[in-house]
PDB file of N, CA and C in Angstrom:
ATOM      1  N   MET A   1     -25.874 138.089-106.888  1.00  0.00           N
ATOM      2  CA  MET A   1     -26.683 137.917-105.760  1.00  0.00           C
ATOM      3  C   MET A   1     -27.455 136.593-105.791  1.00  0.00           C
ATOM      4  N   THR A   2     -27.894 136.298-106.970  1.00  0.00           N
ATOM      5  CA  THR A   2     -28.746 135.084-107.143  1.00  0.00           C
ATOM      6  C   THR A   2     -27.962 133.885-106.802  1.00  0.00           C
ATOM      7  N   LEU A   3     -26.640 133.920-107.130  1.00  0.00           N
ATOM      8  CA  LEU A   3     -25.731 132.766-106.850  1.00  0.00           C
ATOM      9  C   LEU A   3     -25.621 132.567-105.328  1.00  0.00           C
ATOM     10  N   ALA A   4     -25.444 133.609-104.551  1.00  0.00           N
ATOM     11  CA  ALA A   4     -25.249 133.459-103.168  1.00  0.00           C
ATOM     12  C   ALA A   4     -26.625 132.951-102.538  1.00  0.00           C
ATOM     13  N   THR A   5     -27.712 133.383-103.035  1.00  0.00           N
ATOM     14  CA  THR A   5     -29.003 132.987-102.541  1.00  0.00           C
ATOM     15  C   THR A   5     -29.144 131.515-102.819  1.00  0.00           C
ATOM     16  N   ASP A   6     -28.842 131.038-104.055  1.00  0.00           N
ATOM     17  CA  ASP A   6     -28.935 129.658-104.348  1.00  0.00           C
ATOM     18  C   ASP A   6     -28.003 128.809-103.502  1.00  0.00           C
ATOM     19  N   ASP A   7     -26.749 129.257-103.279  1.00  0.00           N
ATOM     20  CA  ASP A   7     -25.865 128.503-102.436  1.00  0.00           C
ATOM     21  C   ASP A   7     -26.393 128.419-101.044  1.00  0.00           C
ATOM     22  N   GLU A   8     -26.928 129.541-100.507  1.00  0.00           N
ATOM     23  CA  GLU A   8     -27.423 129.545 -99.173  1.00  0.00           C
ATOM     24  C   GLU A   8     -28.674 128.536 -99.110  1.00  0.00           C
ATOM     25  N   ARG A   9     -29.466 128.544-100.072  1.00  0.00           N
ATOM     26  CA  ARG A   9     -30.612 127.637-100.124  1.00  0.00           C
ATOM     27  C   ARG A   9     -30.163 126.164-100.099  1.00  0.00           C
ATOM     28  N   VAL A  10     -29.175 125.883-100.929  1.00  0.00           N
ATOM     29  CA  VAL A  10     -28.618 124.495-100.971  1.00  0.00           C
ATOM     30  C   VAL A  10     -28.025 124.110 -99.630  1.00  0.00           C
ATOM     31  N   GLU A  11     -27.258 125.112 -99.012  1.00  0.00           N
ATOM     32  CA  GLU A  11     -26.668 124.774 -97.781  1.00  0.00           C
ATOM     33  C   GLU A  11     -27.765 124.531 -96.663  1.00  0.00           C
ATOM     34  N   LYS A  12     -28.779 125.310 -96.693  1.00  0.00           N
ATOM     35  CA  LYS A  12     -29.898 125.148 -95.722  1.00  0.00           C
ATOM     36  C   LYS A  12     -30.604 123.818 -95.912  1.00  0.00           C
ATOM     37  N   GLN A  13     -30.802 123.431 -97.228  1.00  0.00           N
ATOM     38  CA  GLN A  13     -31.460 122.104 -97.479  1.00  0.00           C
ATOM     39  C   GLN A  13     -30.577 120.958 -97.000  1.00  0.00           C
ATOM     40  N   GLY A  14     -29.288 121.137 -97.179  1.00  0.00           N
ATOM     41  CA  GLY A  14     -28.305 120.104 -96.681  1.00  0.00           C
ATOM     42  C   GLY A  14     -28.378 120.019 -95.180  1.00  0.00           C
ATOM     43  N   GLU A  15     -28.486 121.180 -94.469  1.00  0.00           N
ATOM     44  CA  GLU A  15     -28.622 121.078 -93.039  1.00  0.00           C
ATOM     45  C   GLU A  15     -29.921 120.466 -92.614  1.00  0.00           C
ATOM     46  N   SER A  16     -30.989 120.788 -93.406  1.00  0.00           N
ATOM     47  CA  SER A  16     -32.250 120.174 -93.003  1.00  0.00           C
ATOM     48  C   SER A  16     -32.251 118.700 -93.253  1.00  0.00           C
ATOM     49  N   LEU A  17     -31.603 118.219 -94.256  1.00  0.00           N
ATOM     50  CA  LEU A  17     -31.477 116.795 -94.527  1.00  0.00           C
ATOM     51  C   LEU A  17     -30.713 116.075 -93.443  1.00  0.00           C
ATOM     52  N   ASP A  18     -29.648 116.673 -93.089  1.00  0.00           N
ATOM     53  CA  ASP A  18     -28.787 116.162 -92.021  1.00  0.00           C
ATOM     54  C   ASP A  18     -29.556 116.063 -90.680  1.00  0.00           C
ATOM     55  N   ARG A  19     -30.316 117.115 -90.430  1.00  0.00           N
ATOM     56  CA  ARG A  19     -31.094 117.201 -89.200  1.00  0.00           C
ATOM     57  C   ARG A  19     -32.229 116.114 -89.254  1.00  0.00           C
ATOM     58  N   ALA A  20     -32.817 115.988 -90.392  1.00  0.00           N
ATOM     59  CA  ALA A  20     -33.912 115.033 -90.565  1.00  0.00           C
ATOM     60  C   ALA A  20     -33.325 113.541 -90.439  1.00  0.00           C
ATOM     61  N   LYS A  21     -32.114 113.379 -90.996  1.00  0.00           N
ATOM     62  CA  LYS A  21     -31.551 111.964 -90.742  1.00  0.00           C
ATOM     63  C   LYS A  21     -31.189 111.805 -89.326  1.00  0.00           C
ATOM     64  N   ALA A  22     -30.709 112.765 -88.642  1.00  0.00           N
ATOM     65  CA  ALA A  22     -30.375 112.606 -87.184  1.00  0.00           C
ATOM     66  C   ALA A  22     -31.628 112.356 -86.422  1.00  0.00           C
ATOM     67  N   LEU A  23     -32.714 113.050 -86.693  1.00  0.00           N
ATOM     68  CA  LEU A  23     -33.993 112.884 -86.008  1.00  0.00           C
ATOM     69  C   LEU A  23     -34.536 111.467 -86.263  1.00  0.00           C
ATOM     70  N   ARG A  24     -34.473 110.979 -87.489  1.00  0.00           N
ATOM     71  CA  ARG A  24     -34.893 109.590 -87.812  1.00  0.00           C
ATOM     72  C   ARG A  24     -34.078 108.663 -87.022  1.00  0.00           C
ATOM     73  N   LYS A  25     -32.762 108.880 -86.967  1.00  0.00           N
ATOM     74  CA  LYS A  25     -31.955 107.830 -86.309  1.00  0.00           C
ATOM     75  C   LYS A  25     -32.214 107.862 -84.787  1.00  0.00           C
ATOM     76  N   ARG A  26     -32.493 108.952 -84.225  1.00  0.00           N
ATOM     77  CA  ARG A  26     -32.883 109.133 -82.764  1.00  0.00           C
ATOM     78  C   ARG A  26     -34.140 108.432 -82.541  1.00  0.00           C
ATOM     79  N   ALA A  27     -35.174 108.695 -83.415  1.00  0.00           N
ATOM     80  CA  ALA A  27     -36.422 108.063 -83.208  1.00  0.00           C
ATOM     81  C   ALA A  27     -36.395 106.515 -83.320  1.00  0.00           C
ATOM     82  N   LYS A  28     -35.601 106.011 -84.192  1.00  0.00           N
ATOM     83  CA  LYS A  28     -35.358 104.599 -84.334  1.00  0.00           C
ATOM     84  C   LYS A  28     -34.727 104.083 -83.001  1.00  0.00           C
ATOM     85  N   ALA A  29     -33.749 104.788 -82.476  1.00  0.00           N
ATOM     86  CA  ALA A  29     -33.131 104.388 -81.272  1.00  0.00           C
ATOM     87  C   ALA A  29     -34.082 104.357 -80.114  1.00  0.00           C
ATOM     88  N   LEU A  30     -34.907 105.351 -80.072  1.00  0.00           N
ATOM     89  CA  LEU A  30     -35.949 105.442 -79.008  1.00  0.00           C
ATOM     90  C   LEU A  30     -36.873 104.269 -79.100  1.00  0.00           C
ATOM     91  N   LYS A  31     -37.334 103.911 -80.300  1.00  0.00           N
ATOM     92  CA  LYS A  31     -38.242 102.734 -80.510  1.00  0.00           C
ATOM     93  C   LYS A  31     -37.583 101.500 -79.956  1.00  0.00           C
ATOM     94  N   ILE A  32     -36.263 101.358 -80.295  1.00  0.00           N
ATOM     95  CA  ILE A  32     -35.574 100.167 -79.866  1.00  0.00           C
ATOM     96  C   ILE A  32     -35.514 100.180 -78.304  1.00  0.00           C
ATOM     97  N   GLU A  33     -35.165 101.319 -77.676  1.00  0.00           N
ATOM     98  CA  GLU A  33     -35.074 101.402 -76.249  1.00  0.00           C
ATOM     99  C   GLU A  33     -36.496 101.089 -75.637  1.00  0.00           C
ATOM    100  N   ALA A  34     -37.501 101.624 -76.201  1.00  0.00           N
ATOM    101  CA  ALA A  34     -38.870 101.401 -75.639  1.00  0.00           C
ATOM    102  C   ALA A  34     -39.203  99.896 -75.769  1.00  0.00           C
ATOM    103  N   ARG A  35     -38.798  99.281 -76.804  1.00  0.00           N
ATOM    104  CA  ARG A  35     -39.108  97.828 -76.978  1.00  0.00           C
ATOM    105  C   ARG A  35     -38.321  97.020 -75.979  1.00  0.00           C
ATOM    106  N   GLN A  36     -37.053  97.358 -75.698  1.00  0.00           N
ATOM    107  CA  GLN A  36     -36.269  96.669 -74.723  1.00  0.00           C
ATOM    108  C   GLN A  36     -36.867  96.819 -73.344  1.00  0.00           C
ATOM    109  N   ILE A  37     -37.366  98.088 -73.030  1.00  0.00           N
ATOM    110  CA  ILE A  37     -37.980  98.269 -71.677  1.00  0.00           C
ATOM    111  C   ILE A  37     -39.174  97.479 -71.539  1.00  0.00           C
ATOM    112  N   GLU A  38     -40.020  97.414 -72.566  1.00  0.00           N
ATOM    113  CA  GLU A  38     -41.277  96.581 -72.537  1.00  0.00           C
ATOM    114  C   GLU A  38     -40.912  95.091 -72.351  1.00  0.00           C
ATOM    115  N   GLU A  39     -39.904  94.586 -73.098  1.00  0.00           N
ATOM    116  CA  GLU A  39     -39.555  93.214 -72.949  1.00  0.00           C
ATOM    117  C   GLU A  39     -38.971  92.951 -71.534  1.00  0.00           C
ATOM    118  N   ALA A  40     -38.321  93.888 -71.016  1.00  0.00           N
ATOM    119  CA  ALA A  40     -37.718  93.713 -69.577  1.00  0.00           C
ATOM    120  C   ALA A  40     -38.918  93.608 -68.595  1.00  0.00           C
ATOM    121  N   ILE A  41     -39.874  94.457 -68.785  1.00  0.00           N
ATOM    122  CA  ILE A  41     -41.031  94.470 -67.889  1.00  0.00           C
ATOM    123  C   ILE A  41     -41.798  93.138 -68.074  1.00  0.00           C
ATOM    124  N   ASP A  42     -41.926  92.690 -69.297  1.00  0.00           N
ATOM    125  CA  ASP A  42     -42.704  91.447 -69.539  1.00  0.00           C
ATOM    126  C   ASP A  42     -41.929  90.249 -69.013  1.00  0.00           C
ATOM    127  N   ASN A  43     -40.634  90.291 -68.972  1.00  0.00           N
ATOM    128  CA  ASN A  43     -39.781  89.124 -68.547  1.00  0.00           C
ATOM    129  C   ASN A  43     -39.661  88.970 -67.072  1.00  0.00           C
ATOM    130  N   LYS A  44     -40.244  89.913 -66.331  1.00  0.00           N
ATOM    131  CA  LYS A  44     -40.158  89.841 -64.807  1.00  0.00           C
ATOM    132  C   LYS A  44     -41.075  88.596 -64.386  1.00  0.00           C
ATOM    133  N   GLY A  45     -40.576  87.928 -63.399  1.00  0.00           N
ATOM    134  CA  GLY A  45     -41.417  86.834 -62.836  1.00  0.00           C
ATOM    135  C   GLY A  45     -41.110  85.538 -63.427  1.00  0.00           C
ATOM    136  N   LEU A  46     -41.757  84.552 -62.894  1.00  0.00           N
ATOM    137  CA  LEU A  46     -41.627  83.128 -63.228  1.00  0.00           C
ATOM    138  C   LEU A  46     -42.359  82.798 -64.560  1.00  0.00           C
ATOM    139  N   ARG A  47     -41.662  82.067 -65.506  1.00  0.00           N
ATOM    140  CA  ARG A  47     -42.399  81.630 -66.661  1.00  0.00           C
ATOM    141  C   ARG A  47     -42.338  80.094 -66.696  1.00  0.00           C
ATOM    142  N   CYS A  48     -43.336  79.498 -67.261  1.00  0.00           N
ATOM    143  CA  CYS A  48     -43.322  78.019 -67.355  1.00  0.00           C
ATOM    144  C   CYS A  48     -42.330  77.573 -68.379  1.00  0.00           C
ATOM    145  N   PRO A  49     -41.433  76.689 -68.048  1.00  0.00           N
ATOM    146  CA  PRO A  49     -40.419  76.199 -69.067  1.00  0.00           C
ATOM    147  C   PRO A  49     -41.065  75.407 -70.198  1.00  0.00           C
ATOM    148  N   LYS A  50     -42.242  74.908 -70.040  1.00  0.00           N
ATOM    149  CA  LYS A  50     -42.928  74.157 -71.080  1.00  0.00           C
ATOM    150  C   LYS A  50     -43.619  75.004 -72.112  1.00  0.00           C
ATOM    151  N   CYS A  51     -44.521  75.916 -71.605  1.00  0.00           N
ATOM    152  CA  CYS A  51     -45.402  76.672 -72.463  1.00  0.00           C
ATOM    153  C   CYS A  51     -45.123  78.167 -72.425  1.00  0.00           C
ATOM    154  N   GLY A  52     -44.346  78.698 -71.463  1.00  0.00           N
ATOM    155  CA  GLY A  52     -44.037  80.138 -71.368  1.00  0.00           C
ATOM    156  C   GLY A  52     -45.087  80.912 -70.670  1.00  0.00           C
ATOM    157  N   CYS A  53     -46.124  80.309 -70.128  1.00  0.00           N
ATOM    158  CA  CYS A  53     -47.129  81.055 -69.390  1.00  0.00           C
ATOM    159  C   CYS A  53     -46.579  81.563 -68.104  1.00  0.00           C
ATOM    160  N   GLY A  54     -47.076  82.648 -67.631  1.00  0.00           N
ATOM    161  CA  GLY A  54     -46.608  83.292 -66.306  1.00  0.00           C
ATOM    162  C   GLY A  54     -47.667  83.103 -65.224  1.00  0.00           C
ATOM    163  N   HIS A  55     -48.632  82.235 -65.443  1.00  0.00           N
ATOM    164  CA  HIS A  55     -49.657  82.174 -64.377  1.00  0.00           C
ATOM    165  C   HIS A  55     -49.554  80.802 -63.681  1.00  0.00           C
ATOM    166  N   PHE A  56     -49.271  80.845 -62.319  1.00  0.00           N
ATOM    167  CA  PHE A  56     -49.025  79.683 -61.611  1.00  0.00           C
ATOM    168  C   PHE A  56     -50.011  79.623 -60.398  1.00  0.00           C
ATOM    169  N   GLU A  57     -50.226  78.430 -59.912  1.00  0.00           N
ATOM    170  CA  GLU A  57     -50.974  78.248 -58.702  1.00  0.00           C
ATOM    171  C   GLU A  57     -50.040  77.567 -57.714  1.00  0.00           C
ATOM    172  N   THR A  58     -49.985  78.047 -56.493  1.00  0.00           N
ATOM    173  CA  THR A  58     -49.066  77.447 -55.510  1.00  0.00           C
ATOM    174  C   THR A  58     -49.727  76.265 -54.997  1.00  0.00           C
ATOM    175  N   ASP A  59     -49.036  75.054 -55.143  1.00  0.00           N
ATOM    176  CA  ASP A  59     -49.562  73.782 -54.718  1.00  0.00           C
ATOM    177  C   ASP A  59     -49.201  73.464 -53.263  1.00  0.00           C
ATOM    178  N   LYS A  60     -47.949  73.731 -52.908  1.00  0.00           N
ATOM    179  CA  LYS A  60     -47.410  73.336 -51.596  1.00  0.00           C
ATOM    180  C   LYS A  60     -46.312  74.319 -51.187  1.00  0.00           C
ATOM    181  N   THR A  61     -46.157  74.738 -49.910  1.00  0.00           N
ATOM    182  CA  THR A  61     -45.120  75.576 -49.382  1.00  0.00           C
ATOM    183  C   THR A  61     -44.431  74.799 -48.277  1.00  0.00           C
ATOM    184  N   VAL A  62     -43.133  74.686 -48.323  1.00  0.00           N
ATOM    185  CA  VAL A  62     -42.394  73.883 -47.401  1.00  0.00           C
ATOM    186  C   VAL A  62     -41.186  74.772 -46.795  1.00  0.00           C
ATOM    187  N   PRO A  63     -41.136  74.920 -45.474  1.00  0.00           N
ATOM    188  CA  PRO A  63     -39.898  75.666 -44.996  1.00  0.00           C
ATOM    189  C   PRO A  63     -38.597  74.929 -45.213  1.00  0.00           C
ATOM    190  N   VAL A  64     -37.551  75.614 -45.518  1.00  0.00           N
ATOM    191  CA  VAL A  64     -36.256  74.938 -45.780  1.00  0.00           C
ATOM    192  C   VAL A  64     -35.276  75.594 -44.743  1.00  0.00           C
ATOM    193  N   SER A  65     -34.056  75.149 -44.704  1.00  0.00           N
ATOM    194  CA  SER A  65     -33.131  75.600 -43.706  1.00  0.00           C
ATOM    195  C   SER A  65     -32.991  77.137 -43.740  1.00  0.00           C
ATOM    196  N   GLY A  66     -32.786  77.715 -42.653  1.00  0.00           N
ATOM    197  CA  GLY A  66     -32.527  79.205 -42.556  1.00  0.00           C
ATOM    198  C   GLY A  66     -33.794  79.977 -42.847  1.00  0.00           C
ATOM    199  N   ARG A  67     -33.638  80.995 -43.620  1.00  0.00           N
ATOM    200  CA  ARG A  67     -34.815  81.941 -43.867  1.00  0.00           C
ATOM    201  C   ARG A  67     -35.225  81.708 -45.312  1.00  0.00           C
ATOM    202  N   ARG A  68     -35.470  80.487 -45.772  1.00  0.00           N
ATOM    203  CA  ARG A  68     -35.941  80.193 -47.063  1.00  0.00           C
ATOM    204  C   ARG A  68     -37.080  79.259 -47.010  1.00  0.00           C
ATOM    205  N   ILE A  69     -37.953  79.355 -48.045  1.00  0.00           N
ATOM    206  CA  ILE A  69     -38.962  78.417 -48.284  1.00  0.00           C
ATOM    207  C   ILE A  69     -38.956  77.921 -49.644  1.00  0.00           C
ATOM    208  N   ARG A  70     -39.507  76.665 -49.765  1.00  0.00           N
ATOM    209  CA  ARG A  70     -39.594  75.979 -51.095  1.00  0.00           C
ATOM    210  C   ARG A  70     -41.100  75.981 -51.413  1.00  0.00           C
ATOM    211  N   ARG A  71     -41.376  76.439 -52.654  1.00  0.00           N
ATOM    212  CA  ARG A  71     -42.755  76.430 -53.145  1.00  0.00           C
ATOM    213  C   ARG A  71     -42.867  75.537 -54.362  1.00  0.00           C
ATOM    214  N   TYR A  72     -43.857  74.692 -54.359  1.00  0.00           N
ATOM    215  CA  TYR A  72     -44.204  73.809 -55.530  1.00  0.00           C
ATOM    216  C   TYR A  72     -45.331  74.487 -56.256  1.00  0.00           C
ATOM    217  N   LYS A  73     -45.248  74.825 -57.490  1.00  0.00           N
ATOM    218  CA  LYS A  73     -46.182  75.566 -58.204  1.00  0.00           C
ATOM    219  C   LYS A  73     -46.626  74.780 -59.436  1.00  0.00           C
ATOM    220  N   VAL A  74     -47.877  75.006 -59.904  1.00  0.00           N
ATOM    221  CA  VAL A  74     -48.409  74.316 -61.099  1.00  0.00           C
ATOM    222  C   VAL A  74     -48.882  75.360 -62.082  1.00  0.00           C
ATOM    223  N   CYS A  75     -48.387  75.208 -63.303  1.00  0.00           N
ATOM    224  CA  CYS A  75     -48.820  76.089 -64.328  1.00  0.00           C
ATOM    225  C   CYS A  75     -50.315  75.914 -64.655  1.00  0.00           C
ATOM    226  N   ARG A  76     -50.983  77.053 -64.655  1.00  0.00           N
ATOM    227  CA  ARG A  76     -52.423  77.021 -64.869  1.00  0.00           C
ATOM    228  C   ARG A  76     -52.839  76.641 -66.295  1.00  0.00           C
ATOM    229  N   TYR A  77     -51.909  76.781 -67.215  1.00  0.00           N
ATOM    230  CA  TYR A  77     -52.207  76.511 -68.586  1.00  0.00           C
ATOM    231  C   TYR A  77     -51.905  75.115 -68.954  1.00  0.00           C
ATOM    232  N   CYS A  78     -50.723  74.594 -68.684  1.00  0.00           N
ATOM    233  CA  CYS A  78     -50.305  73.239 -69.128  1.00  0.00           C
ATOM    234  C   CYS A  78     -50.204  72.207 -68.036  1.00  0.00           C
ATOM    235  N   GLY A  79     -50.180  72.679 -66.763  1.00  0.00           N
ATOM    236  CA  GLY A  79     -50.171  71.754 -65.635  1.00  0.00           C
ATOM    237  C   GLY A  79     -48.738  71.303 -65.272  1.00  0.00           C
ATOM    238  N   ARG A  80     -47.727  71.863 -65.814  1.00  0.00           N
ATOM    239  CA  ARG A  80     -46.326  71.567 -65.504  1.00  0.00           C
ATOM    240  C   ARG A  80     -46.021  71.978 -64.090  1.00  0.00           C
ATOM    241  N   ARG A  81     -45.330  71.143 -63.279  1.00  0.00           N
ATOM    242  CA  ARG A  81     -45.019  71.438 -61.919  1.00  0.00           C
ATOM    243  C   ARG A  81     -43.574  72.088 -61.918  1.00  0.00           C
ATOM    244  N   VAL A  82     -43.460  73.124 -61.121  1.00  0.00           N
ATOM    245  CA  VAL A  82     -42.189  73.855 -61.012  1.00  0.00           C
ATOM    246  C   VAL A  82     -41.905  74.064 -59.530  1.00  0.00           C
ATOM    247  N   ARG A  83     -40.641  73.946 -59.174  1.00  0.00           N
ATOM    248  CA  ARG A  83     -40.209  74.062 -57.760  1.00  0.00           C
ATOM    249  C   ARG A  83     -39.390  75.366 -57.723  1.00  0.00           C
ATOM    250  N   THR A  84     -39.714  76.232 -56.745  1.00  0.00           N
ATOM    251  CA  THR A  84     -38.887  77.496 -56.497  1.00  0.00           C
ATOM    252  C   THR A  84     -38.421  77.497 -55.087  1.00  0.00           C
ATOM    253  N   THR A  85     -37.245  78.097 -54.825  1.00  0.00           N
ATOM    254  CA  THR A  85     -36.755  78.361 -53.538  1.00  0.00           C
ATOM    255  C   THR A  85     -36.716  79.886 -53.271  1.00  0.00           C
ATOM    256  N   GLU A  86     -37.389  80.311 -52.267  1.00  0.00           N
ATOM    257  CA  GLU A  86     -37.507  81.797 -52.036  1.00  0.00           C
ATOM    258  C   GLU A  86     -36.813  82.155 -50.682  1.00  0.00           C
ATOM    259  N   ARG A  87     -36.254  83.320 -50.649  1.00  0.00           N
ATOM    260  CA  ARG A  87     -35.608  83.809 -49.483  1.00  0.00           C
ATOM    261  C   ARG A  87     -36.525  84.715 -48.770  1.00  0.00           C
ATOM    262  N   ILE A  88     -36.645  84.606 -47.478  1.00  0.00           N
ATOM    263  CA  ILE A  88     -37.560  85.522 -46.660  1.00  0.00           C
ATOM    264  C   ILE A  88     -36.709  86.622 -46.188  1.00  0.00           C
ATOM    265  N   GLU A  89     -37.198  87.878 -46.417  1.00  0.00           N
ATOM    266  CA  GLU A  89     -36.466  89.110 -46.001  1.00  0.00           C
ATOM    267  C   GLU A  89     -37.024  89.508 -44.650  1.00  0.00           C
ATOM    268  N   ALA A  90     -36.186  90.129 -43.832  1.00  0.00           N
ATOM    269  CA  ALA A  90     -36.664  90.522 -42.456  1.00  0.00           C
ATOM    270  C   ALA A  90     -37.506  91.860 -42.592  1.00  0.00           C
TER     271      ALA A  90
END
């Protein structure tokens, strides 16, 4: 009877180790997914090609053909000028 109990204990420990490994693997995957989501949120919007800053001041707005406008923006950090073309939705 002792042998069966020992075998059962070893089997349960093996299952516990497998479950722990699976949980660690899932936790690691969730951390990666969370990091990717955070990066996607951070990457929304315009970034300065020179310094990477996301803070701009609109210098000038000019209507372009159709339902578009062209904006000239200046980075608040380094002063780099950037031109964007935006579509106006109805």
